[in-house]
Amino acid sequence: TLFTAPKGKGDDLTVIVGVGPVAAGQLNEQGITTFKQIAKLTDEDIATIDANMPFSTDQIKDWREQAKELAK
């Protein structure tokens, strides 16, 4: 996995526009399970995701902005 999932129940990542059930499953498999994690992704983290998963940098940056609001 690319990241370490925090303990506890994850968030429903499909609440983020553009993240469907398949994408949410792929993110979960890589240890991304919460809005807070996505909100805190660095540009370096995003580049790692882009290189290893079928998501573009622009998509992930959009998800990060949405997650910042959802993590409040």
PDB file of N, CA and C in Angstrom:
ATOM      1  N   THR A   1       0.833  -1.203   0.000  1.00  0.00           N
ATOM      2  CA  THR A   1       0.000   0.000   0.000  1.00  0.00           C
ATOM      3  C   THR A   1       0.872   1.259   0.000  1.00  0.00           C
ATOM      4  N   LEU A   2       0.321   2.321  -0.528  1.00  0.00           N
ATOM      5  CA  LEU A   2       1.051   3.589  -0.617  1.00  0.00           C
ATOM      6  C   LEU A   2       0.999   4.380   0.683  1.00  0.00           C
ATOM      7  N   PHE A   3      -0.091   4.221   1.441  1.00  0.00           N
ATOM      8  CA  PHE A   3      -0.299   4.994   2.663  1.00  0.00           C
ATOM      9  C   PHE A   3      -0.763   4.075   3.790  1.00  0.00           C
ATOM     10  N   THR A   4      -0.682   4.561   5.016  1.00  0.00           N
ATOM     11  CA  THR A   4      -1.145   3.800   6.158  1.00  0.00           C
ATOM     12  C   THR A   4      -2.500   4.342   6.591  1.00  0.00           C
ATOM     13  N   ALA A   5      -3.488   3.483   6.571  1.00  0.00           N
ATOM     14  CA  ALA A   5      -4.841   3.900   6.957  1.00  0.00           C
ATOM     15  C   ALA A   5      -4.903   4.153   8.455  1.00  0.00           C
ATOM     16  N   PRO A   6      -5.598   5.215   8.856  1.00  0.00           N
ATOM     17  CA  PRO A   6      -5.783   5.450  10.284  1.00  0.00           C
ATOM     18  C   PRO A   6      -6.705   4.388  10.878  1.00  0.00           C
ATOM     19  N   LYS A   7      -6.614   4.199  12.185  1.00  0.00           N
ATOM     20  CA  LYS A   7      -7.486   3.233  12.842  1.00  0.00           C
ATOM     21  C   LYS A   7      -8.913   3.762  12.849  1.00  0.00           C
ATOM     22  N   GLY A   8      -9.837   2.852  12.945  1.00  0.00           N
ATOM     23  CA  GLY A   8     -11.244   3.242  13.002  1.00  0.00           C
ATOM     24  C   GLY A   8     -11.911   3.141  11.647  1.00  0.00           C
ATOM     25  N   LYS A   9     -13.176   3.479  11.657  1.00  0.00           N
ATOM     26  CA  LYS A   9     -13.985   3.407  10.444  1.00  0.00           C
ATOM     27  C   LYS A   9     -13.635   4.552   9.507  1.00  0.00           C
ATOM     28  N   GLY A  10     -13.490   4.246   8.245  1.00  0.00           N
ATOM     29  CA  GLY A  10     -13.204   5.268   7.247  1.00  0.00           C
ATOM     30  C   GLY A  10     -14.449   6.046   6.871  1.00  0.00           C
ATOM     31  N   ASP A  11     -14.239   7.113   6.102  1.00  0.00           N
ATOM     32  CA  ASP A  11     -15.352   7.922   5.606  1.00  0.00           C
ATOM     33  C   ASP A  11     -15.876   7.336   4.294  1.00  0.00           C
ATOM     34  N   ASP A  12     -17.076   7.746   3.917  1.00  0.00           N
ATOM     35  CA  ASP A  12     -17.647   7.346   2.631  1.00  0.00           C
ATOM     36  C   ASP A  12     -17.054   8.267   1.567  1.00  0.00           C
ATOM     37  N   LEU A  13     -15.969   7.834   0.940  1.00  0.00           N
ATOM     38  CA  LEU A  13     -15.258   8.679  -0.018  1.00  0.00           C
ATOM     39  C   LEU A  13     -16.084   8.991  -1.262  1.00  0.00           C
ATOM     40  N   THR A  14     -17.166   8.236  -1.485  1.00  0.00           N
ATOM     41  CA  THR A  14     -17.998   8.503  -2.658  1.00  0.00           C
ATOM     42  C   THR A  14     -18.786   9.806  -2.513  1.00  0.00           C
ATOM     43  N   VAL A  15     -18.752  10.414  -1.324  1.00  0.00           N
ATOM     44  CA  VAL A  15     -19.392  11.721  -1.126  1.00  0.00           C
ATOM     45  C   VAL A  15     -18.634  12.781  -1.949  1.00  0.00           C
ATOM     46  N   ILE A  16     -17.354  12.548  -2.189  1.00  0.00           N
ATOM     47  CA  ILE A  16     -16.537  13.465  -2.998  1.00  0.00           C
ATOM     48  C   ILE A  16     -16.958  13.313  -4.451  1.00  0.00           C
ATOM     49  N   VAL A  17     -17.303  14.427  -5.099  1.00  0.00           N
ATOM     50  CA  VAL A  17     -17.714  14.403  -6.497  1.00  0.00           C
ATOM     51  C   VAL A  17     -16.543  13.892  -7.336  1.00  0.00           C
ATOM     52  N   GLY A  18     -16.812  12.862  -8.126  1.00  0.00           N
ATOM     53  CA  GLY A  18     -15.779  12.278  -8.975  1.00  0.00           C
ATOM     54  C   GLY A  18     -15.195  10.993  -8.417  1.00  0.00           C
ATOM     55  N   VAL A  19     -15.534  10.661  -7.177  1.00  0.00           N
ATOM     56  CA  VAL A  19     -15.073   9.404  -6.577  1.00  0.00           C
ATOM     57  C   VAL A  19     -16.266   8.454  -6.518  1.00  0.00           C
ATOM     58  N   GLY A  20     -16.252   7.466  -7.393  1.00  0.00           N
ATOM     59  CA  GLY A  20     -17.302   6.455  -7.385  1.00  0.00           C
ATOM     60  C   GLY A  20     -16.891   5.276  -6.522  1.00  0.00           C
ATOM     61  N   PRO A  21     -17.741   4.254  -6.479  1.00  0.00           N
ATOM     62  CA  PRO A  21     -17.443   3.080  -5.656  1.00  0.00           C
ATOM     63  C   PRO A  21     -16.127   2.383  -6.026  1.00  0.00           C
ATOM     64  N   VAL A  22     -15.806   2.313  -7.313  1.00  0.00           N
ATOM     65  CA  VAL A  22     -14.574   1.645  -7.746  1.00  0.00           C
ATOM     66  C   VAL A  22     -13.358   2.456  -7.288  1.00  0.00           C
ATOM     67  N   ALA A  23     -13.395   3.772  -7.530  1.00  0.00           N
ATOM     68  CA  ALA A  23     -12.273   4.632  -7.121  1.00  0.00           C
ATOM     69  C   ALA A  23     -12.110   4.617  -5.599  1.00  0.00           C
ATOM     70  N   ALA A  24     -13.227   4.661  -4.875  1.00  0.00           N
ATOM     71  CA  ALA A  24     -13.161   4.624  -3.411  1.00  0.00           C
ATOM     72  C   ALA A  24     -12.502   3.323  -2.948  1.00  0.00           C
ATOM     73  N   GLY A  25     -12.854   2.216  -3.590  1.00  0.00           N
ATOM     74  CA  GLY A  25     -12.255   0.924  -3.253  1.00  0.00           C
ATOM     75  C   GLY A  25     -10.756   0.920  -3.521  1.00  0.00           C
ATOM     76  N   GLN A  26     -10.355   1.510  -4.645  1.00  0.00           N
ATOM     77  CA  GLN A  26      -8.932   1.571  -4.987  1.00  0.00           C
ATOM     78  C   GLN A  26      -8.173   2.436  -3.981  1.00  0.00           C
ATOM     79  N   LEU A  27      -8.757   3.556  -3.586  1.00  0.00           N
ATOM     80  CA  LEU A  27      -8.123   4.420  -2.592  1.00  0.00           C
ATOM     81  C   LEU A  27      -8.002   3.689  -1.257  1.00  0.00           C
ATOM     82  N   ASN A  28      -9.070   3.008  -0.854  1.00  0.00           N
ATOM     83  CA  ASN A  28      -9.053   2.244   0.401  1.00  0.00           C
ATOM     84  C   ASN A  28      -7.956   1.193   0.391  1.00  0.00           C
ATOM     85  N   GLU A  29      -7.790   0.509  -0.746  1.00  0.00           N
ATOM     86  CA  GLU A  29      -6.754  -0.526  -0.868  1.00  0.00           C
ATOM     87  C   GLU A  29      -5.354   0.061  -0.672  1.00  0.00           C
ATOM     88  N   GLN A  30      -5.195   1.337  -0.986  1.00  0.00           N
ATOM     89  CA  GLN A  30      -3.894   1.998  -0.847  1.00  0.00           C
ATOM     90  C   GLN A  30      -3.770   2.724   0.494  1.00  0.00           C
ATOM     91  N   GLY A  31      -4.728   2.497   1.394  1.00  0.00           N
ATOM     92  CA  GLY A  31      -4.645   3.055   2.736  1.00  0.00           C
ATOM     93  C   GLY A  31      -5.269   4.428   2.895  1.00  0.00           C
ATOM     94  N   ILE A  32      -5.951   4.912   1.867  1.00  0.00           N
ATOM     95  CA  ILE A  32      -6.623   6.214   1.957  1.00  0.00           C
ATOM     96  C   ILE A  32      -8.090   5.952   2.265  1.00  0.00           C
ATOM     97  N   THR A  33      -8.480   6.280   3.511  1.00  0.00           N
ATOM     98  CA  THR A  33      -9.831   5.917   3.956  1.00  0.00           C
ATOM     99  C   THR A  33     -10.634   7.087   4.522  1.00  0.00           C
ATOM    100  N   THR A  34      -9.998   8.262   4.689  1.00  0.00           N
ATOM    101  CA  THR A  34     -10.723   9.380   5.311  1.00  0.00           C
ATOM    102  C   THR A  34     -10.584  10.676   4.520  1.00  0.00           C
ATOM    103  N   PHE A  35     -11.566  11.549   4.727  1.00  0.00           N
ATOM    104  CA  PHE A  35     -11.516  12.882   4.113  1.00  0.00           C
ATOM    105  C   PHE A  35     -10.276  13.635   4.599  1.00  0.00           C
ATOM    106  N   LYS A  36      -9.972  13.473   5.885  1.00  0.00           N
ATOM    107  CA  LYS A  36      -8.836  14.180   6.470  1.00  0.00           C
ATOM    108  C   LYS A  36      -7.531  13.810   5.759  1.00  0.00           C
ATOM    109  N   GLN A  37      -7.364  12.527   5.453  1.00  0.00           N
ATOM    110  CA  GLN A  37      -6.160  12.088   4.734  1.00  0.00           C
ATOM    111  C   GLN A  37      -6.071  12.763   3.370  1.00  0.00           C
ATOM    112  N   ILE A  38      -7.170  12.770   2.648  1.00  0.00           N
ATOM    113  CA  ILE A  38      -7.172  13.371   1.309  1.00  0.00           C
ATOM    114  C   ILE A  38      -6.915  14.870   1.414  1.00  0.00           C
ATOM    115  N   ALA A  39      -7.526  15.514   2.409  1.00  0.00           N
ATOM    116  CA  ALA A  39      -7.353  16.954   2.606  1.00  0.00           C
ATOM    117  C   ALA A  39      -5.894  17.311   2.877  1.00  0.00           C
ATOM    118  N   LYS A  40      -5.162  16.407   3.504  1.00  0.00           N
ATOM    119  CA  LYS A  40      -3.774  16.680   3.882  1.00  0.00           C
ATOM    120  C   LYS A  40      -2.743  16.179   2.865  1.00  0.00           C
ATOM    121  N   LEU A  41      -3.195  15.656   1.721  1.00  0.00           N
ATOM    122  CA  LEU A  41      -2.247  15.179   0.717  1.00  0.00           C
ATOM    123  C   LEU A  41      -1.356  16.323   0.247  1.00  0.00           C
ATOM    124  N   THR A  42      -0.069  16.071   0.199  1.00  0.00           N
ATOM    125  CA  THR A  42       0.872  17.054  -0.331  1.00  0.00           C
ATOM    126  C   THR A  42       0.937  16.883  -1.844  1.00  0.00           C
ATOM    127  N   ASP A  43       1.539  17.852  -2.526  1.00  0.00           N
ATOM    128  CA  ASP A  43       1.717  17.713  -3.977  1.00  0.00           C
ATOM    129  C   ASP A  43       2.576  16.484  -4.289  1.00  0.00           C
ATOM    130  N   GLU A  44       3.513  16.176  -3.403  1.00  0.00           N
ATOM    131  CA  GLU A  44       4.352  14.978  -3.579  1.00  0.00           C
ATOM    132  C   GLU A  44       3.504  13.712  -3.458  1.00  0.00           C
ATOM    133  N   ASP A  45       2.595  13.688  -2.464  1.00  0.00           N
ATOM    134  CA  ASP A  45       1.679  12.550  -2.313  1.00  0.00           C
ATOM    135  C   ASP A  45       0.826  12.386  -3.566  1.00  0.00           C
ATOM    136  N   ILE A  46       0.349  13.496  -4.086  1.00  0.00           N
ATOM    137  CA  ILE A  46      -0.502  13.466  -5.277  1.00  0.00           C
ATOM    138  C   ILE A  46       0.276  12.910  -6.465  1.00  0.00           C
ATOM    139  N   ALA A  47       1.531  13.294  -6.602  1.00  0.00           N
ATOM    140  CA  ALA A  47       2.372  12.768  -7.684  1.00  0.00           C
ATOM    141  C   ALA A  47       2.552  11.255  -7.535  1.00  0.00           C
ATOM    142  N   THR A  48       2.699  10.784  -6.298  1.00  0.00           N
ATOM    143  CA  THR A  48       2.838   9.347  -6.040  1.00  0.00           C
ATOM    144  C   THR A  48       1.564   8.610  -6.437  1.00  0.00           C
ATOM    145  N   ILE A  49       0.427   9.164  -6.067  1.00  0.00           N
ATOM    146  CA  ILE A  49      -0.857   8.550  -6.424  1.00  0.00           C
ATOM    147  C   ILE A  49      -1.010   8.537  -7.941  1.00  0.00           C
ATOM    148  N   ASP A  50      -0.706   9.654  -8.581  1.00  0.00           N
ATOM    149  CA  ASP A  50      -0.821   9.778 -10.033  1.00  0.00           C
ATOM    150  C   ASP A  50       0.043   8.724 -10.728  1.00  0.00           C
ATOM    151  N   ALA A  51       1.238   8.476 -10.208  1.00  0.00           N
ATOM    152  CA  ALA A  51       2.168   7.523 -10.823  1.00  0.00           C
ATOM    153  C   ALA A  51       1.756   6.068 -10.605  1.00  0.00           C
ATOM    154  N   ASN A  52       1.008   5.805  -9.542  1.00  0.00           N
ATOM    155  CA  ASN A  52       0.698   4.432  -9.169  1.00  0.00           C
ATOM    156  C   ASN A  52      -0.765   4.021  -9.322  1.00  0.00           C
ATOM    157  N   MET A  53      -1.620   4.990  -9.586  1.00  0.00           N
ATOM    158  CA  MET A  53      -3.047   4.695  -9.672  1.00  0.00           C
ATOM    159  C   MET A  53      -3.633   5.377 -10.909  1.00  0.00           C
ATOM    160  N   PRO A  54      -4.817   4.942 -11.342  1.00  0.00           N
ATOM    161  CA  PRO A  54      -5.392   5.495 -12.575  1.00  0.00           C
ATOM    162  C   PRO A  54      -6.137   6.823 -12.384  1.00  0.00           C
ATOM    163  N   PHE A  55      -5.545   7.738 -11.607  1.00  0.00           N
ATOM    164  CA  PHE A  55      -6.165   9.047 -11.384  1.00  0.00           C
ATOM    165  C   PHE A  55      -5.185  10.133 -11.795  1.00  0.00           C
ATOM    166  N   SER A  56      -5.709  11.222 -12.348  1.00  0.00           N
ATOM    167  CA  SER A  56      -4.837  12.315 -12.774  1.00  0.00           C
ATOM    168  C   SER A  56      -4.565  13.271 -11.616  1.00  0.00           C
ATOM    169  N   THR A  57      -3.487  14.020 -11.759  1.00  0.00           N
ATOM    170  CA  THR A  57      -3.122  15.021 -10.759  1.00  0.00           C
ATOM    171  C   THR A  57      -4.266  16.008 -10.552  1.00  0.00           C
ATOM    172  N   ASP A  58      -4.886  16.455 -11.641  1.00  0.00           N
ATOM    173  CA  ASP A  58      -5.986  17.420 -11.534  1.00  0.00           C
ATOM    174  C   ASP A  58      -7.162  16.838 -10.760  1.00  0.00           C
ATOM    175  N   GLN A  59      -7.488  15.571 -11.016  1.00  0.00           N
ATOM    176  CA  GLN A  59      -8.585  14.907 -10.287  1.00  0.00           C
ATOM    177  C   GLN A  59      -8.287  14.902  -8.793  1.00  0.00           C
ATOM    178  N   ILE A  60      -7.085  14.480  -8.454  1.00  0.00           N
ATOM    179  CA  ILE A  60      -6.729  14.319  -7.048  1.00  0.00           C
ATOM    180  C   ILE A  60      -6.708  15.675  -6.338  1.00  0.00           C
ATOM    181  N   LYS A  61      -6.215  16.710  -7.020  1.00  0.00           N
ATOM    182  CA  LYS A  61      -6.210  18.053  -6.416  1.00  0.00           C
ATOM    183  C   LYS A  61      -7.634  18.539  -6.178  1.00  0.00           C
ATOM    184  N   ASP A  62      -8.542  18.229  -7.104  1.00  0.00           N
ATOM    185  CA  ASP A  62      -9.953  18.587  -6.935  1.00  0.00           C
ATOM    186  C   ASP A  62     -10.533  17.845  -5.724  1.00  0.00           C
ATOM    187  N   TRP A  63     -10.214  16.558  -5.605  1.00  0.00           N
ATOM    188  CA  TRP A  63     -10.690  15.773  -4.464  1.00  0.00           C
ATOM    189  C   TRP A  63     -10.151  16.355  -3.166  1.00  0.00           C
ATOM    190  N   ARG A  64      -8.882  16.788  -3.192  1.00  0.00           N
ATOM    191  CA  ARG A  64      -8.272  17.358  -1.978  1.00  0.00           C
ATOM    192  C   ARG A  64      -9.033  18.603  -1.534  1.00  0.00           C
ATOM    193  N   GLU A  65      -9.397  19.467  -2.484  1.00  0.00           N
ATOM    194  CA  GLU A  65     -10.132  20.685  -2.137  1.00  0.00           C
ATOM    195  C   GLU A  65     -11.498  20.343  -1.556  1.00  0.00           C
ATOM    196  N   GLN A  66     -12.185  19.386  -2.156  1.00  0.00           N
ATOM    197  CA  GLN A  66     -13.497  18.970  -1.634  1.00  0.00           C
ATOM    198  C   GLN A  66     -13.344  18.357  -0.230  1.00  0.00           C
ATOM    199  N   ALA A  67     -12.303  17.550  -0.056  1.00  0.00           N
ATOM    200  CA  ALA A  67     -12.084  16.868   1.218  1.00  0.00           C
ATOM    201  C   ALA A  67     -11.784  17.855   2.335  1.00  0.00           C
ATOM    202  N   LYS A  68     -11.154  18.977   2.013  1.00  0.00           N
ATOM    203  CA  LYS A  68     -10.878  19.993   3.034  1.00  0.00           C
ATOM    204  C   LYS A  68     -12.179  20.483   3.655  1.00  0.00           C
ATOM    205  N   GLU A  69     -13.199  20.649   2.836  1.00  0.00           N
ATOM    206  CA  GLU A  69     -14.511  21.078   3.347  1.00  0.00           C
ATOM    207  C   GLU A  69     -15.191  19.946   4.126  1.00  0.00           C
ATOM    208  N   LEU A  70     -15.099  18.733   3.614  1.00  0.00           N
ATOM    209  CA  LEU A  70     -15.768  17.590   4.248  1.00  0.00           C
ATOM    210  C   LEU A  70     -15.120  17.182   5.565  1.00  0.00           C
ATOM    211  N   ALA A  71     -13.835  17.477   5.714  1.00  0.00           N
ATOM    212  CA  ALA A  71     -13.103  17.062   6.917  1.00  0.00           C
ATOM    213  C   ALA A  71     -13.354  17.983   8.107  1.00  0.00           C
ATOM    214  N   LYS A  72     -14.022  19.111   7.868  1.00  0.00           N
ATOM    215  CA  LYS A  72     -14.274  20.084   8.950  1.00  0.00           C
ATOM    216  C   LYS A  72     -15.227  19.530   9.996  1.00  0.00           C
TER     217      LYS A  72
END
